[in-house]
């Protein structure tokens, strides 16, 4: 999921230890996550989920910038 050029630019991020999220994904979500893992070679679901959450939050910020009127 990450390009080689991106890996050099990434800063270390701190894990939040005060809050843990747990959920039961839909079957199609499991299949999609497994496919992403196969495509990227990632072996850890949590790394994939963190990346997907980052992408979703970034897309939401771009769609609804802070200070924008609704």
PDB file of N, CA and C in Angstrom:
ATOM      1  N   UNK A   1       0.801  -1.184   0.000  1.00  0.00           N
ATOM      2  CA  UNK A   1       0.000   0.000   0.000  1.00  0.00           C
ATOM      3  C   UNK A   1       0.850   1.256   0.000  1.00  0.00           C
ATOM      4  N   UNK A   2       2.075   1.145   0.417  1.00  0.00           N
ATOM      5  CA  UNK A   2       2.930   2.306   0.516  1.00  0.00           C
ATOM      6  C   UNK A   2       3.993   2.230  -0.569  1.00  0.00           C
ATOM      7  N   UNK A   3       4.204   3.321  -1.235  1.00  0.00           N
ATOM      8  CA  UNK A   3       5.240   3.391  -2.237  1.00  0.00           C
ATOM      9  C   UNK A   3       6.595   3.507  -1.564  1.00  0.00           C
ATOM     10  N   UNK A   4       7.635   3.063  -2.258  1.00  0.00           N
ATOM     11  CA  UNK A   4       8.978   3.140  -1.691  1.00  0.00           C
ATOM     12  C   UNK A   4       9.354   4.578  -1.362  1.00  0.00           C
ATOM     13  N   UNK A   5       8.944   5.522  -2.208  1.00  0.00           N
ATOM     14  CA  UNK A   5       9.265   6.927  -1.958  1.00  0.00           C
ATOM     15  C   UNK A   5       8.563   7.446  -0.717  1.00  0.00           C
ATOM     16  N   UNK A   6       7.385   6.909  -0.402  1.00  0.00           N
ATOM     17  CA  UNK A   6       6.651   7.333   0.784  1.00  0.00           C
ATOM     18  C   UNK A   6       7.327   6.856   2.060  1.00  0.00           C
ATOM     19  N   UNK A   7       7.942   5.686   2.012  1.00  0.00           N
ATOM     20  CA  UNK A   7       8.512   5.120   3.225  1.00  0.00           C
ATOM     21  C   UNK A   7       9.637   5.983   3.774  1.00  0.00           C
ATOM     22  N   UNK A   8      10.341   6.706   2.926  1.00  0.00           N
ATOM     23  CA  UNK A   8      11.412   7.571   3.391  1.00  0.00           C
ATOM     24  C   UNK A   8      10.872   8.838   4.044  1.00  0.00           C
ATOM     25  N   UNK A   9       9.664   9.241   3.680  1.00  0.00           N
ATOM     26  CA  UNK A   9       9.106  10.490   4.169  1.00  0.00           C
ATOM     27  C   UNK A   9       8.243  10.314   5.417  1.00  0.00           C
ATOM     28  N   UNK A  10       7.943   9.097   5.798  1.00  0.00           N
ATOM     29  CA  UNK A  10       7.027   8.848   6.909  1.00  0.00           C
ATOM     30  C   UNK A  10       7.714   9.111   8.238  1.00  0.00           C
ATOM     31  N   UNK A  11       7.017   9.859   9.087  1.00  0.00           N
ATOM     32  CA  UNK A  11       7.490  10.099  10.441  1.00  0.00           C
ATOM     33  C   UNK A  11       6.900   9.025  11.331  1.00  0.00           C
ATOM     34  N   UNK A  12       7.604   8.712  12.400  1.00  0.00           N
ATOM     35  CA  UNK A  12       7.103   7.728  13.351  1.00  0.00           C
ATOM     36  C   UNK A  12       5.847   8.266  14.012  1.00  0.00           C
ATOM     37  N   UNK A  13       4.841   7.427  14.118  1.00  0.00           N
ATOM     38  CA  UNK A  13       3.592   7.819  14.761  1.00  0.00           C
ATOM     39  C   UNK A  13       3.474   7.073  16.075  1.00  0.00           C
ATOM     40  N   UNK A  14       2.871   7.716  17.042  1.00  0.00           N
ATOM     41  CA  UNK A  14       2.719   7.146  18.378  1.00  0.00           C
ATOM     42  C   UNK A  14       1.385   6.426  18.457  1.00  0.00           C
ATOM     43  N   UNK A  15       1.403   5.217  19.005  1.00  0.00           N
ATOM     44  CA  UNK A  15       0.185   4.446  19.201  1.00  0.00           C
ATOM     45  C   UNK A  15      -0.574   4.966  20.419  1.00  0.00           C
ATOM     46  N   UNK A  16      -1.875   5.085  20.287  1.00  0.00           N
ATOM     47  CA  UNK A  16      -2.729   5.463  21.421  1.00  0.00           C
ATOM     48  C   UNK A  16      -2.959   4.224  22.266  1.00  0.00           C
ATOM     49  N   UNK A  17      -2.541   4.277  23.480  1.00  0.00           N
ATOM     50  CA  UNK A  17      -2.703   3.119  24.356  1.00  0.00           C
ATOM     51  C   UNK A  17      -3.914   3.262  25.265  1.00  0.00           C
ATOM     52  N   UNK A  18      -4.467   4.469  25.353  1.00  0.00           N
ATOM     53  CA  UNK A  18      -5.601   4.709  26.237  1.00  0.00           C
ATOM     54  C   UNK A  18      -6.912   4.233  25.626  1.00  0.00           C
ATOM     55  N   UNK A  19      -6.936   4.024  24.317  1.00  0.00           N
ATOM     56  CA  UNK A  19      -8.191   3.645  23.649  1.00  0.00           C
ATOM     57  C   UNK A  19      -7.919   2.510  22.677  1.00  0.00           C
ATOM     58  N   UNK A  20      -8.719   1.468  22.777  1.00  0.00           N
ATOM     59  CA  UNK A  20      -8.631   0.329  21.859  1.00  0.00           C
ATOM     60  C   UNK A  20      -9.986   0.170  21.208  1.00  0.00           C
ATOM     61  N   UNK A  21     -10.000   0.020  19.895  1.00  0.00           N
ATOM     62  CA  UNK A  21     -11.248  -0.159  19.170  1.00  0.00           C
ATOM     63  C   UNK A  21     -11.362  -1.611  18.752  1.00  0.00           C
ATOM     64  N   UNK A  22     -12.509  -2.188  18.976  1.00  0.00           N
ATOM     65  CA  UNK A  22     -12.775  -3.541  18.538  1.00  0.00           C
ATOM     66  C   UNK A  22     -14.086  -3.554  17.780  1.00  0.00           C
ATOM     67  N   UNK A  23     -14.126  -4.316  16.715  1.00  0.00           N
ATOM     68  CA  UNK A  23     -15.367  -4.404  15.956  1.00  0.00           C
ATOM     69  C   UNK A  23     -15.393  -5.720  15.205  1.00  0.00           C
ATOM     70  N   UNK A  24     -16.590  -6.090  14.779  1.00  0.00           N
ATOM     71  CA  UNK A  24     -16.764  -7.287  13.959  1.00  0.00           C
ATOM     72  C   UNK A  24     -17.071  -6.834  12.536  1.00  0.00           C
ATOM     73  N   UNK A  25     -16.135  -7.067  11.623  1.00  0.00           N
ATOM     74  CA  UNK A  25     -16.333  -6.596  10.244  1.00  0.00           C
ATOM     75  C   UNK A  25     -17.379  -7.421   9.507  1.00  0.00           C
ATOM     76  N   UNK A  26     -17.970  -6.802   8.485  1.00  0.00           N
ATOM     77  CA  UNK A  26     -18.860  -7.512   7.582  1.00  0.00           C
ATOM     78  C   UNK A  26     -18.031  -8.482   6.754  1.00  0.00           C
ATOM     79  N   UNK A  27     -18.651  -9.529   6.246  1.00  0.00           N
ATOM     80  CA  UNK A  27     -17.939 -10.557   5.477  1.00  0.00           C
ATOM     81  C   UNK A  27     -17.220  -9.939   4.280  1.00  0.00           C
ATOM     82  N   UNK A  28     -17.885  -9.021   3.570  1.00  0.00           N
ATOM     83  CA  UNK A  28     -17.228  -8.433   2.404  1.00  0.00           C
ATOM     84  C   UNK A  28     -16.027  -7.581   2.802  1.00  0.00           C
ATOM     85  N   UNK A  29     -16.059  -7.020   4.022  1.00  0.00           N
ATOM     86  CA  UNK A  29     -14.906  -6.262   4.499  1.00  0.00           C
ATOM     87  C   UNK A  29     -13.725  -7.186   4.773  1.00  0.00           C
ATOM     88  N   UNK A  30     -14.002  -8.356   5.329  1.00  0.00           N
ATOM     89  CA  UNK A  30     -12.941  -9.333   5.584  1.00  0.00           C
ATOM     90  C   UNK A  30     -12.304  -9.743   4.258  1.00  0.00           C
ATOM     91  N   UNK A  31     -13.137 -10.012   3.274  1.00  0.00           N
ATOM     92  CA  UNK A  31     -12.613 -10.408   1.968  1.00  0.00           C
ATOM     93  C   UNK A  31     -11.762  -9.303   1.358  1.00  0.00           C
ATOM     94  N   UNK A  32     -12.219  -8.059   1.469  1.00  0.00           N
ATOM     95  CA  UNK A  32     -11.474  -6.928   0.912  1.00  0.00           C
ATOM     96  C   UNK A  32     -10.149  -6.733   1.648  1.00  0.00           C
ATOM     97  N   UNK A  33     -10.165  -6.847   2.968  1.00  0.00           N
ATOM     98  CA  UNK A  33      -8.928  -6.705   3.747  1.00  0.00           C
ATOM     99  C   UNK A  33      -7.953  -7.820   3.400  1.00  0.00           C
ATOM    100  N   UNK A  34      -8.453  -9.035   3.277  1.00  0.00           N
ATOM    101  CA  UNK A  34      -7.589 -10.157   2.892  1.00  0.00           C
ATOM    102  C   UNK A  34      -6.981  -9.936   1.514  1.00  0.00           C
ATOM    103  N   UNK A  35      -7.764  -9.372   0.589  1.00  0.00           N
ATOM    104  CA  UNK A  35      -7.247  -9.095  -0.749  1.00  0.00           C
ATOM    105  C   UNK A  35      -6.150  -8.026  -0.698  1.00  0.00           C
ATOM    106  N   UNK A  36      -6.369  -6.983   0.090  1.00  0.00           N
ATOM    107  CA  UNK A  36      -5.350  -5.939   0.242  1.00  0.00           C
ATOM    108  C   UNK A  36      -4.078  -6.547   0.831  1.00  0.00           C
ATOM    109  N   UNK A  37      -4.237  -7.423   1.812  1.00  0.00           N
ATOM    110  CA  UNK A  37      -3.073  -8.073   2.423  1.00  0.00           C
ATOM    111  C   UNK A  37      -2.310  -8.902   1.392  1.00  0.00           C
ATOM    112  N   UNK A  38      -3.023  -9.626   0.546  1.00  0.00           N
ATOM    113  CA  UNK A  38      -2.358 -10.400  -0.504  1.00  0.00           C
ATOM    114  C   UNK A  38      -1.648  -9.481  -1.492  1.00  0.00           C
ATOM    115  N   UNK A  39      -2.323  -8.391  -1.877  1.00  0.00           N
ATOM    116  CA  UNK A  39      -1.764  -7.466  -2.871  1.00  0.00           C
ATOM    117  C   UNK A  39      -0.518  -6.749  -2.359  1.00  0.00           C
ATOM    118  N   UNK A  40      -0.511  -6.418  -1.068  1.00  0.00           N
ATOM    119  CA  UNK A  40       0.587  -5.635  -0.511  1.00  0.00           C
ATOM    120  C   UNK A  40       1.660  -6.479   0.172  1.00  0.00           C
ATOM    121  N   UNK A  41       1.318  -7.720   0.494  1.00  0.00           N
ATOM    122  CA  UNK A  41       2.260  -8.563   1.224  1.00  0.00           C
ATOM    123  C   UNK A  41       2.243  -8.301   2.728  1.00  0.00           C
ATOM    124  N   UNK A  42       1.341  -7.443   3.170  1.00  0.00           N
ATOM    125  CA  UNK A  42       1.228  -7.136   4.603  1.00  0.00           C
ATOM    126  C   UNK A  42       0.677  -8.365   5.325  1.00  0.00           C
ATOM    127  N   UNK A  43       1.210  -8.649   6.506  1.00  0.00           N
ATOM    128  CA  UNK A  43       0.759  -9.812   7.268  1.00  0.00           C
ATOM    129  C   UNK A  43      -0.067  -9.433   8.485  1.00  0.00           C
ATOM    130  N   UNK A  44      -0.203  -8.148   8.733  1.00  0.00           N
ATOM    131  CA  UNK A  44      -0.844  -7.671   9.942  1.00  0.00           C
ATOM    132  C   UNK A  44      -2.106  -6.892   9.579  1.00  0.00           C
ATOM    133  N   UNK A  45      -3.263  -7.407   9.993  1.00  0.00           N
ATOM    134  CA  UNK A  45      -4.533  -6.738   9.695  1.00  0.00           C
ATOM    135  C   UNK A  45      -4.591  -5.338  10.291  1.00  0.00           C
ATOM    136  N   UNK A  46      -4.039  -5.181  11.483  1.00  0.00           N
ATOM    137  CA  UNK A  46      -4.134  -3.873  12.139  1.00  0.00           C
ATOM    138  C   UNK A  46      -3.403  -2.792  11.349  1.00  0.00           C
ATOM    139  N   UNK A  47      -2.300  -3.122  10.713  1.00  0.00           N
ATOM    140  CA  UNK A  47      -1.580  -2.139   9.888  1.00  0.00           C
ATOM    141  C   UNK A  47      -2.439  -1.724   8.698  1.00  0.00           C
ATOM    142  N   UNK A  48      -3.116  -2.689   8.096  1.00  0.00           N
ATOM    143  CA  UNK A  48      -4.008  -2.391   6.966  1.00  0.00           C
ATOM    144  C   UNK A  48      -5.170  -1.524   7.438  1.00  0.00           C
ATOM    145  N   UNK A  49      -5.780  -1.880   8.565  1.00  0.00           N
ATOM    146  CA  UNK A  49      -6.920  -1.118   9.074  1.00  0.00           C
ATOM    147  C   UNK A  49      -6.519   0.305   9.433  1.00  0.00           C
ATOM    148  N   UNK A  50      -5.340   0.489  10.043  1.00  0.00           N
ATOM    149  CA  UNK A  50      -4.882   1.850  10.353  1.00  0.00           C
ATOM    150  C   UNK A  50      -4.706   2.664   9.079  1.00  0.00           C
ATOM    151  N   UNK A  51      -4.141   2.057   8.045  1.00  0.00           N
ATOM    152  CA  UNK A  51      -3.951   2.756   6.773  1.00  0.00           C
ATOM    153  C   UNK A  51      -5.303   3.119   6.154  1.00  0.00           C
ATOM    154  N   UNK A  52      -6.257   2.200   6.188  1.00  0.00           N
ATOM    155  CA  UNK A  52      -7.586   2.469   5.641  1.00  0.00           C
ATOM    156  C   UNK A  52      -8.298   3.580   6.404  1.00  0.00           C
ATOM    157  N   UNK A  53      -8.162   3.595   7.730  1.00  0.00           N
ATOM    158  CA  UNK A  53      -8.769   4.660   8.530  1.00  0.00           C
ATOM    159  C   UNK A  53      -8.116   5.992   8.183  1.00  0.00           C
ATOM    160  N   UNK A  54      -6.788   6.010   8.048  1.00  0.00           N
ATOM    161  CA  UNK A  54      -6.096   7.243   7.648  1.00  0.00           C
ATOM    162  C   UNK A  54      -6.615   7.750   6.311  1.00  0.00           C
ATOM    163  N   UNK A  55      -6.770   6.850   5.340  1.00  0.00           N
ATOM    164  CA  UNK A  55      -7.261   7.241   4.013  1.00  0.00           C
ATOM    165  C   UNK A  55      -8.687   7.792   4.098  1.00  0.00           C
ATOM    166  N   UNK A  56      -9.535   7.144   4.894  1.00  0.00           N
ATOM    167  CA  UNK A  56     -10.923   7.591   5.025  1.00  0.00           C
ATOM    168  C   UNK A  56     -10.997   8.953   5.707  1.00  0.00           C
ATOM    169  N   UNK A  57     -10.201   9.148   6.751  1.00  0.00           N
ATOM    170  CA  UNK A  57     -10.208  10.435   7.445  1.00  0.00           C
ATOM    171  C   UNK A  57      -9.665  11.541   6.554  1.00  0.00           C
ATOM    172  N   UNK A  58      -8.628  11.240   5.780  1.00  0.00           N
ATOM    173  CA  UNK A  58      -8.073  12.222   4.847  1.00  0.00           C
ATOM    174  C   UNK A  58      -9.101  12.601   3.780  1.00  0.00           C
ATOM    175  N   UNK A  59      -9.801  11.605   3.248  1.00  0.00           N
ATOM    176  CA  UNK A  59     -10.836  11.868   2.240  1.00  0.00           C
ATOM    177  C   UNK A  59     -11.957  12.710   2.830  1.00  0.00           C
ATOM    178  N   UNK A  60     -12.322  12.429   4.068  1.00  0.00           N
ATOM    179  CA  UNK A  60     -13.388  13.193   4.728  1.00  0.00           C
ATOM    180  C   UNK A  60     -12.952  14.643   4.948  1.00  0.00           C
ATOM    181  N   UNK A  61     -11.691  14.827   5.363  1.00  0.00           N
ATOM    182  CA  UNK A  61     -11.187  16.191   5.556  1.00  0.00           C
ATOM    183  C   UNK A  61     -11.181  16.966   4.242  1.00  0.00           C
ATOM    184  N   UNK A  62     -10.818  16.308   3.156  1.00  0.00           N
ATOM    185  CA  UNK A  62     -10.803  16.968   1.849  1.00  0.00           C
ATOM    186  C   UNK A  62     -12.213  17.293   1.386  1.00  0.00           C
ATOM    187  N   UNK A  63     -13.160  16.427   1.716  1.00  0.00           N
ATOM    188  CA  UNK A  63     -14.547  16.628   1.320  1.00  0.00           C
ATOM    189  C   UNK A  63     -15.193  17.745   2.141  1.00  0.00           C
ATOM    190  N   UNK A  64     -14.888  17.795   3.434  1.00  0.00           N
ATOM    191  CA  UNK A  64     -15.462  18.779   4.357  1.00  0.00           C
ATOM    192  C   UNK A  64     -14.339  19.496   5.087  1.00  0.00           C
ATOM    193  N   UNK A  65     -13.680  20.460   4.440  1.00  0.00           N
ATOM    194  CA  UNK A  65     -12.569  21.148   5.107  1.00  0.00           C
ATOM    195  C   UNK A  65     -13.049  21.887   6.354  1.00  0.00           C
ATOM    196  N   UNK A  66     -12.170  22.019   7.312  1.00  0.00           N
ATOM    197  CA  UNK A  66     -12.497  22.727   8.556  1.00  0.00           C
ATOM    198  C   UNK A  66     -12.842  24.160   8.209  1.00  0.00           C
ATOM    199  N   UNK A  67     -13.922  24.650   8.791  1.00  0.00           N
ATOM    200  CA  UNK A  67     -14.351  26.007   8.537  1.00  0.00           C
ATOM    201  C   UNK A  67     -15.305  26.139   7.375  1.00  0.00           C
ATOM    202  N   UNK A  68     -15.541  25.041   6.659  1.00  0.00           N
ATOM    203  CA  UNK A  68     -16.477  25.096   5.529  1.00  0.00           C
ATOM    204  C   UNK A  68     -17.909  25.144   6.060  1.00  0.00           C
ATOM    205  N   UNK A  69     -18.750  25.889   5.397  1.00  0.00           N
ATOM    206  CA  UNK A  69     -20.153  25.935   5.797  1.00  0.00           C
ATOM    207  C   UNK A  69     -20.910  24.836   5.101  1.00  0.00           C
ATOM    208  N   UNK A  70     -21.931  24.321   5.779  1.00  0.00           N
ATOM    209  CA  UNK A  70     -22.705  23.209   5.213  1.00  0.00           C
ATOM    210  C   UNK A  70     -23.935  23.714   4.525  1.00  0.00           C
TER     211      UNK A  70
END
